[in-house]
């Protein structure tokens, strides 16, 4: 008989997210990106959609998207501590 092992998925930023969330859950929930960051992401996204984004801008946009993912995870977890 085949045994199936349960696999736990660990994301690269799990430890950091858990650490921050436990320290300051209310601040995590209240966080929102600055107006200038939002504007920059919109600009980069538009350049990406128009296929005129350069390599440095592509890396910058990727960084913003990683930050967004981290905050989504953090806010979800912070709700458990409030």
PDB file of N, CA and C in Angstrom:
ATOM      1  N   UNK A   1       0.841  -1.184   0.000  1.00  0.00           N
ATOM      2  CA  UNK A   1       0.000   0.000   0.000  1.00  0.00           C
ATOM      3  C   UNK A   1       0.885   1.245   0.000  1.00  0.00           C
ATOM      4  N   UNK A   2       0.508   2.204  -0.766  1.00  0.00           N
ATOM      5  CA  UNK A   2       1.260   3.454  -0.899  1.00  0.00           C
ATOM      6  C   UNK A   2       0.947   4.387   0.265  1.00  0.00           C
ATOM      7  N   UNK A   3       2.009   4.871   0.916  1.00  0.00           N
ATOM      8  CA  UNK A   3       1.828   5.831   2.007  1.00  0.00           C
ATOM      9  C   UNK A   3       2.025   7.231   1.459  1.00  0.00           C
ATOM     10  N   UNK A   4       1.087   8.107   1.740  1.00  0.00           N
ATOM     11  CA  UNK A   4       1.196   9.501   1.298  1.00  0.00           C
ATOM     12  C   UNK A   4       1.552  10.357   2.503  1.00  0.00           C
ATOM     13  N   UNK A   5       2.629  11.083   2.362  1.00  0.00           N
ATOM     14  CA  UNK A   5       3.064  11.963   3.449  1.00  0.00           C
ATOM     15  C   UNK A   5       2.410  13.330   3.295  1.00  0.00           C
ATOM     16  N   UNK A   6       2.025  13.861   4.425  1.00  0.00           N
ATOM     17  CA  UNK A   6       1.468  15.213   4.423  1.00  0.00           C
ATOM     18  C   UNK A   6       2.631  16.202   4.318  1.00  0.00           C
ATOM     19  N   UNK A   7       2.525  17.112   3.371  1.00  0.00           N
ATOM     20  CA  UNK A   7       3.589  18.069   3.148  1.00  0.00           C
ATOM     21  C   UNK A   7       3.149  19.447   3.636  1.00  0.00           C
ATOM     22  N   UNK A   8       4.001  20.077   4.410  1.00  0.00           N
ATOM     23  CA  UNK A   8       3.725  21.415   4.890  1.00  0.00           C
ATOM     24  C   UNK A   8       4.443  22.407   3.996  1.00  0.00           C
ATOM     25  N   UNK A   9       3.705  23.354   3.476  1.00  0.00           N
ATOM     26  CA  UNK A   9       4.295  24.369   2.614  1.00  0.00           C
ATOM     27  C   UNK A   9       4.780  25.520   3.485  1.00  0.00           C
ATOM     28  N   UNK A  10       6.032  25.897   3.295  1.00  0.00           N
ATOM     29  CA  UNK A  10       6.611  27.012   4.025  1.00  0.00           C
ATOM     30  C   UNK A  10       6.994  28.071   3.008  1.00  0.00           C
ATOM     31  N   UNK A  11       6.506  29.262   3.213  1.00  0.00           N
ATOM     32  CA  UNK A  11       6.810  30.362   2.312  1.00  0.00           C
ATOM     33  C   UNK A  11       8.054  31.096   2.800  1.00  0.00           C
ATOM     34  N   UNK A  12       8.803  31.712   1.897  1.00  0.00           N
ATOM     35  CA  UNK A  12      10.072  32.341   2.267  1.00  0.00           C
ATOM     36  C   UNK A  12       9.980  33.357   3.401  1.00  0.00           C
ATOM     37  N   UNK A  13       8.873  34.045   3.521  1.00  0.00           N
ATOM     38  CA  UNK A  13       8.765  35.114   4.508  1.00  0.00           C
ATOM     39  C   UNK A  13       7.920  34.740   5.720  1.00  0.00           C
ATOM     40  N   UNK A  14       7.570  33.462   5.874  1.00  0.00           N
ATOM     41  CA  UNK A  14       6.700  33.035   6.967  1.00  0.00           C
ATOM     42  C   UNK A  14       7.195  33.467   8.344  1.00  0.00           C
ATOM     43  N   UNK A  15       8.454  33.204   8.646  1.00  0.00           N
ATOM     44  CA  UNK A  15       8.978  33.545   9.973  1.00  0.00           C
ATOM     45  C   UNK A  15       8.907  35.045  10.235  1.00  0.00           C
ATOM     46  N   UNK A  16       9.285  35.825   9.250  1.00  0.00           N
ATOM     47  CA  UNK A  16       9.245  37.285   9.392  1.00  0.00           C
ATOM     48  C   UNK A  16       7.814  37.782   9.566  1.00  0.00           C
ATOM     49  N   UNK A  17       6.913  37.277   8.759  1.00  0.00           N
ATOM     50  CA  UNK A  17       5.509  37.683   8.851  1.00  0.00           C
ATOM     51  C   UNK A  17       4.955  37.343  10.238  1.00  0.00           C
ATOM     52  N   UNK A  18       5.186  36.131  10.695  1.00  0.00           N
ATOM     53  CA  UNK A  18       4.678  35.722  12.007  1.00  0.00           C
ATOM     54  C   UNK A  18       5.259  36.578  13.124  1.00  0.00           C
ATOM     55  N   UNK A  19       6.535  36.900  13.039  1.00  0.00           N
ATOM     56  CA  UNK A  19       7.192  37.731  14.045  1.00  0.00           C
ATOM     57  C   UNK A  19       6.547  39.118  14.117  1.00  0.00           C
ATOM     58  N   UNK A  20       6.385  39.760  12.987  1.00  0.00           N
ATOM     59  CA  UNK A  20       5.810  41.113  12.942  1.00  0.00           C
ATOM     60  C   UNK A  20       4.358  41.108  13.393  1.00  0.00           C
ATOM     61  N   UNK A  21       3.609  40.137  12.918  1.00  0.00           N
ATOM     62  CA  UNK A  21       2.185  40.063  13.238  1.00  0.00           C
ATOM     63  C   UNK A  21       1.959  39.910  14.738  1.00  0.00           C
ATOM     64  N   UNK A  22       2.760  39.100  15.393  1.00  0.00           N
ATOM     65  CA  UNK A  22       2.592  38.880  16.835  1.00  0.00           C
ATOM     66  C   UNK A  22       2.973  40.117  17.641  1.00  0.00           C
ATOM     67  N   UNK A  23       3.932  40.889  17.150  1.00  0.00           N
ATOM     68  CA  UNK A  23       4.355  42.096  17.866  1.00  0.00           C
ATOM     69  C   UNK A  23       3.353  43.234  17.745  1.00  0.00           C
ATOM     70  N   UNK A  24       2.894  43.463  16.526  1.00  0.00           N
ATOM     71  CA  UNK A  24       2.065  44.651  16.266  1.00  0.00           C
ATOM     72  C   UNK A  24       0.896  44.332  15.323  1.00  0.00           C
ATOM     73  N   UNK A  25      -0.030  43.482  15.748  1.00  0.00           N
ATOM     74  CA  UNK A  25      -1.116  43.098  14.838  1.00  0.00           C
ATOM     75  C   UNK A  25      -1.987  44.268  14.390  1.00  0.00           C
ATOM     76  N   UNK A  26      -2.257  45.205  15.274  1.00  0.00           N
ATOM     77  CA  UNK A  26      -3.109  46.343  14.893  1.00  0.00           C
ATOM     78  C   UNK A  26      -2.444  47.228  13.844  1.00  0.00           C
ATOM     79  N   UNK A  27      -1.129  47.409  13.983  1.00  0.00           N
ATOM     80  CA  UNK A  27      -0.402  48.225  13.015  1.00  0.00           C
ATOM     81  C   UNK A  27      -0.349  47.541  11.646  1.00  0.00           C
ATOM     82  N   UNK A  28      -0.225  46.226  11.670  1.00  0.00           N
ATOM     83  CA  UNK A  28      -0.228  45.473  10.409  1.00  0.00           C
ATOM     84  C   UNK A  28      -1.567  45.651   9.710  1.00  0.00           C
ATOM     85  N   UNK A  29      -2.654  45.534  10.471  1.00  0.00           N
ATOM     86  CA  UNK A  29      -3.985  45.687   9.876  1.00  0.00           C
ATOM     87  C   UNK A  29      -4.225  47.107   9.356  1.00  0.00           C
ATOM     88  N   UNK A  30      -3.621  48.088  10.010  1.00  0.00           N
ATOM     89  CA  UNK A  30      -3.826  49.488   9.607  1.00  0.00           C
ATOM     90  C   UNK A  30      -2.930  49.910   8.447  1.00  0.00           C
ATOM     91  N   UNK A  31      -1.925  49.106   8.125  1.00  0.00           N
ATOM     92  CA  UNK A  31      -0.967  49.484   7.087  1.00  0.00           C
ATOM     93  C   UNK A  31      -1.633  49.635   5.729  1.00  0.00           C
ATOM     94  N   UNK A  32      -1.230  50.676   5.032  1.00  0.00           N
ATOM     95  CA  UNK A  32      -1.583  50.803   3.619  1.00  0.00           C
ATOM     96  C   UNK A  32      -0.423  51.504   2.927  1.00  0.00           C
ATOM     97  N   UNK A  33      -0.246  51.188   1.690  1.00  0.00           N
ATOM     98  CA  UNK A  33       0.851  51.767   0.923  1.00  0.00           C
ATOM     99  C   UNK A  33       0.644  53.271   0.777  1.00  0.00           C
ATOM    100  N   UNK A  34       1.741  53.981   0.645  1.00  0.00           N
ATOM    101  CA  UNK A  34       1.663  55.430   0.467  1.00  0.00           C
ATOM    102  C   UNK A  34       1.095  55.759  -0.912  1.00  0.00           C
ATOM    103  N   UNK A  35       0.590  56.965  -1.036  1.00  0.00           N
ATOM    104  CA  UNK A  35       0.037  57.416  -2.318  1.00  0.00           C
ATOM    105  C   UNK A  35       1.103  57.369  -3.408  1.00  0.00           C
ATOM    106  N   UNK A  36       2.324  57.738  -3.059  1.00  0.00           N
ATOM    107  CA  UNK A  36       3.391  57.733  -4.072  1.00  0.00           C
ATOM    108  C   UNK A  36       3.737  56.300  -4.505  1.00  0.00           C
ATOM    109  N   UNK A  37       3.692  55.350  -3.575  1.00  0.00           N
ATOM    110  CA  UNK A  37       3.957  53.950  -3.936  1.00  0.00           C
ATOM    111  C   UNK A  37       2.856  53.415  -4.846  1.00  0.00           C
ATOM    112  N   UNK A  38       1.617  53.733  -4.514  1.00  0.00           N
ATOM    113  CA  UNK A  38       0.482  53.295  -5.345  1.00  0.00           C
ATOM    114  C   UNK A  38       0.595  53.873  -6.740  1.00  0.00           C
ATOM    115  N   UNK A  39       0.932  55.142  -6.815  1.00  0.00           N
ATOM    116  CA  UNK A  39       1.093  55.819  -8.110  1.00  0.00           C
ATOM    117  C   UNK A  39       2.207  55.160  -8.924  1.00  0.00           C
ATOM    118  N   UNK A  40       3.315  54.837  -8.258  1.00  0.00           N
ATOM    119  CA  UNK A  40       4.444  54.213  -8.945  1.00  0.00           C
ATOM    120  C   UNK A  40       4.067  52.836  -9.480  1.00  0.00           C
ATOM    121  N   UNK A  41       3.355  52.057  -8.686  1.00  0.00           N
ATOM    122  CA  UNK A  41       2.924  50.732  -9.124  1.00  0.00           C
ATOM    123  C   UNK A  41       1.992  50.858 -10.333  1.00  0.00           C
ATOM    124  N   UNK A  42       1.095  51.811 -10.291  1.00  0.00           N
ATOM    125  CA  UNK A  42       0.191  52.019 -11.425  1.00  0.00           C
ATOM    126  C   UNK A  42       0.976  52.368 -12.693  1.00  0.00           C
ATOM    127  N   UNK A  43       1.978  53.225 -12.545  1.00  0.00           N
ATOM    128  CA  UNK A  43       2.817  53.618 -13.679  1.00  0.00           C
ATOM    129  C   UNK A  43       3.568  52.398 -14.242  1.00  0.00           C
ATOM    130  N   UNK A  44       4.178  51.632 -13.346  1.00  0.00           N
ATOM    131  CA  UNK A  44       4.937  50.454 -13.779  1.00  0.00           C
ATOM    132  C   UNK A  44       4.029  49.400 -14.410  1.00  0.00           C
ATOM    133  N   UNK A  45       2.847  49.229 -13.837  1.00  0.00           N
ATOM    134  CA  UNK A  45       1.885  48.266 -14.378  1.00  0.00           C
ATOM    135  C   UNK A  45       1.465  48.663 -15.792  1.00  0.00           C
ATOM    136  N   UNK A  46       1.231  49.943 -15.982  1.00  0.00           N
ATOM    137  CA  UNK A  46       0.845  50.433 -17.305  1.00  0.00           C
ATOM    138  C   UNK A  46       1.971  50.178 -18.313  1.00  0.00           C
ATOM    139  N   UNK A  47       3.206  50.465 -17.916  1.00  0.00           N
ATOM    140  CA  UNK A  47       4.355  50.224 -18.801  1.00  0.00           C
ATOM    141  C   UNK A  47       4.492  48.734 -19.111  1.00  0.00           C
ATOM    142  N   UNK A  48       4.214  47.893 -18.106  1.00  0.00           N
ATOM    143  CA  UNK A  48       4.276  46.446 -18.310  1.00  0.00           C
ATOM    144  C   UNK A  48       3.203  45.997 -19.308  1.00  0.00           C
ATOM    145  N   UNK A  49       1.995  46.497 -19.140  1.00  0.00           N
ATOM    146  CA  UNK A  49       0.889  46.131 -20.031  1.00  0.00           C
ATOM    147  C   UNK A  49       1.137  46.593 -21.460  1.00  0.00           C
ATOM    148  N   UNK A  50       1.812  47.726 -21.590  1.00  0.00           N
ATOM    149  CA  UNK A  50       2.122  48.267 -22.924  1.00  0.00           C
ATOM    150  C   UNK A  50       3.401  47.647 -23.501  1.00  0.00           C
ATOM    151  N   UNK A  51       4.013  46.762 -22.730  1.00  0.00           N
ATOM    152  CA  UNK A  51       5.226  46.067 -23.148  1.00  0.00           C
ATOM    153  C   UNK A  51       6.403  47.011 -23.415  1.00  0.00           C
ATOM    154  N   UNK A  52       6.489  48.084 -22.630  1.00  0.00           N
ATOM    155  CA  UNK A  52       7.589  49.041 -22.786  1.00  0.00           C
ATOM    156  C   UNK A  52       8.399  49.182 -21.501  1.00  0.00           C
ATOM    157  N   UNK A  53       8.231  48.251 -20.588  1.00  0.00           N
ATOM    158  CA  UNK A  53       8.923  48.303 -19.308  1.00  0.00           C
ATOM    159  C   UNK A  53      10.363  47.800 -19.497  1.00  0.00           C
ATOM    160  N   UNK A  54      11.306  48.463 -18.840  1.00  0.00           N
ATOM    161  CA  UNK A  54      12.692  47.989 -18.932  1.00  0.00           C
ATOM    162  C   UNK A  54      12.986  47.022 -17.780  1.00  0.00           C
ATOM    163  N   UNK A  55      14.173  46.436 -17.801  1.00  0.00           N
ATOM    164  CA  UNK A  55      14.514  45.398 -16.819  1.00  0.00           C
ATOM    165  C   UNK A  55      14.507  45.924 -15.385  1.00  0.00           C
ATOM    166  N   UNK A  56      15.064  47.108 -15.166  1.00  0.00           N
ATOM    167  CA  UNK A  56      15.098  47.691 -13.823  1.00  0.00           C
ATOM    168  C   UNK A  56      13.686  47.952 -13.306  1.00  0.00           C
ATOM    169  N   UNK A  57      12.809  48.454 -14.179  1.00  0.00           N
ATOM    170  CA  UNK A  57      11.417  48.714 -13.790  1.00  0.00           C
ATOM    171  C   UNK A  57      10.680  47.413 -13.505  1.00  0.00           C
ATOM    172  N   UNK A  58      10.988  46.380 -14.282  1.00  0.00           N
ATOM    173  CA  UNK A  58      10.359  45.068 -14.080  1.00  0.00           C
ATOM    174  C   UNK A  58      10.723  44.523 -12.696  1.00  0.00           C
ATOM    175  N   UNK A  59      11.989  44.652 -12.313  1.00  0.00           N
ATOM    176  CA  UNK A  59      12.428  44.213 -10.985  1.00  0.00           C
ATOM    177  C   UNK A  59      11.772  45.038  -9.883  1.00  0.00           C
ATOM    178  N   UNK A  60      11.640  46.335 -10.124  1.00  0.00           N
ATOM    179  CA  UNK A  60      10.986  47.213  -9.152  1.00  0.00           C
ATOM    180  C   UNK A  60       9.524  46.807  -8.971  1.00  0.00           C
ATOM    181  N   UNK A  61       8.830  46.566 -10.069  1.00  0.00           N
ATOM    182  CA  UNK A  61       7.429  46.152 -10.007  1.00  0.00           C
ATOM    183  C   UNK A  61       7.307  44.820  -9.274  1.00  0.00           C
ATOM    184  N   UNK A  62       8.206  43.901  -9.560  1.00  0.00           N
ATOM    185  CA  UNK A  62       8.207  42.613  -8.877  1.00  0.00           C
ATOM    186  C   UNK A  62       8.358  42.783  -7.365  1.00  0.00           C
ATOM    187  N   UNK A  63       9.214  43.706  -6.962  1.00  0.00           N
ATOM    188  CA  UNK A  63       9.418  43.980  -5.532  1.00  0.00           C
ATOM    189  C   UNK A  63       8.145  44.495  -4.881  1.00  0.00           C
ATOM    190  N   UNK A  64       7.459  45.393  -5.561  1.00  0.00           N
ATOM    191  CA  UNK A  64       6.191  45.898  -5.032  1.00  0.00           C
ATOM    192  C   UNK A  64       5.164  44.770  -4.899  1.00  0.00           C
ATOM    193  N   UNK A  65       5.138  43.870  -5.875  1.00  0.00           N
ATOM    194  CA  UNK A  65       4.174  42.762  -5.834  1.00  0.00           C
ATOM    195  C   UNK A  65       4.496  41.786  -4.708  1.00  0.00           C
ATOM    196  N   UNK A  66       5.777  41.562  -4.441  1.00  0.00           N
ATOM    197  CA  UNK A  66       6.175  40.715  -3.312  1.00  0.00           C
ATOM    198  C   UNK A  66       5.740  41.371  -2.005  1.00  0.00           C
ATOM    199  N   UNK A  67       5.944  42.680  -1.905  1.00  0.00           N
ATOM    200  CA  UNK A  67       5.524  43.400  -0.700  1.00  0.00           C
ATOM    201  C   UNK A  67       4.016  43.267  -0.508  1.00  0.00           C
ATOM    202  N   UNK A  68       3.277  43.369  -1.588  1.00  0.00           N
ATOM    203  CA  UNK A  68       1.816  43.238  -1.497  1.00  0.00           C
ATOM    204  C   UNK A  68       1.429  41.838  -1.002  1.00  0.00           C
ATOM    205  N   UNK A  69       2.083  40.813  -1.534  1.00  0.00           N
ATOM    206  CA  UNK A  69       1.808  39.442  -1.091  1.00  0.00           C
ATOM    207  C   UNK A  69       2.097  39.276   0.397  1.00  0.00           C
ATOM    208  N   UNK A  70       3.233  39.814   0.837  1.00  0.00           N
ATOM    209  CA  UNK A  70       3.602  39.716   2.252  1.00  0.00           C
ATOM    210  C   UNK A  70       2.534  40.371   3.124  1.00  0.00           C
ATOM    211  N   UNK A  71       2.062  41.547   2.722  1.00  0.00           N
ATOM    212  CA  UNK A  71       1.068  42.250   3.526  1.00  0.00           C
ATOM    213  C   UNK A  71      -0.285  41.538   3.519  1.00  0.00           C
ATOM    214  N   UNK A  72      -0.628  40.891   2.436  1.00  0.00           N
ATOM    215  CA  UNK A  72      -1.876  40.116   2.400  1.00  0.00           C
ATOM    216  C   UNK A  72      -1.804  38.978   3.415  1.00  0.00           C
ATOM    217  N   UNK A  73      -0.676  38.236   3.400  1.00  0.00           N
ATOM    218  CA  UNK A  73      -0.492  37.159   4.384  1.00  0.00           C
ATOM    219  C   UNK A  73      -0.505  37.726   5.800  1.00  0.00           C
ATOM    220  N   UNK A  74       0.230  38.815   6.012  1.00  0.00           N
ATOM    221  CA  UNK A  74       0.351  39.399   7.350  1.00  0.00           C
ATOM    222  C   UNK A  74      -1.002  39.866   7.871  1.00  0.00           C
ATOM    223  N   UNK A  75      -1.776  40.534   7.042  1.00  0.00           N
ATOM    224  CA  UNK A  75      -3.079  41.031   7.491  1.00  0.00           C
ATOM    225  C   UNK A  75      -4.025  39.876   7.818  1.00  0.00           C
ATOM    226  N   UNK A  76      -3.956  38.821   7.027  1.00  0.00           N
ATOM    227  CA  UNK A  76      -4.788  37.652   7.300  1.00  0.00           C
ATOM    228  C   UNK A  76      -4.425  37.045   8.653  1.00  0.00           C
ATOM    229  N   UNK A  77      -3.148  36.921   8.918  1.00  0.00           N
ATOM    230  CA  UNK A  77      -2.712  36.344  10.186  1.00  0.00           C
ATOM    231  C   UNK A  77      -2.938  37.289  11.365  1.00  0.00           C
ATOM    232  N   UNK A  78      -2.811  38.582  11.137  1.00  0.00           N
ATOM    233  CA  UNK A  78      -2.980  39.567  12.221  1.00  0.00           C
ATOM    234  C   UNK A  78      -4.396  39.536  12.782  1.00  0.00           C
ATOM    235  N   UNK A  79      -5.359  39.183  11.967  1.00  0.00           N
ATOM    236  CA  UNK A  79      -6.753  39.132  12.433  1.00  0.00           C
ATOM    237  C   UNK A  79      -6.940  38.125  13.571  1.00  0.00           C
ATOM    238  N   UNK A  80      -6.059  37.146  13.655  1.00  0.00           N
ATOM    239  CA  UNK A  80      -6.141  36.134  14.723  1.00  0.00           C
ATOM    240  C   UNK A  80      -5.726  36.714  16.081  1.00  0.00           C
ATOM    241  N   UNK A  81      -4.976  37.813  16.074  1.00  0.00           N
ATOM    242  CA  UNK A  81      -4.426  38.377  17.306  1.00  0.00           C
ATOM    243  C   UNK A  81      -5.159  39.621  17.796  1.00  0.00           C
ATOM    244  N   UNK A  82      -6.172  40.026  17.096  1.00  0.00           N
ATOM    245  CA  UNK A  82      -6.899  41.242  17.479  1.00  0.00           C
ATOM    246  C   UNK A  82      -8.217  40.889  18.130  1.00  0.00           C
TER     247      UNK A  82
END
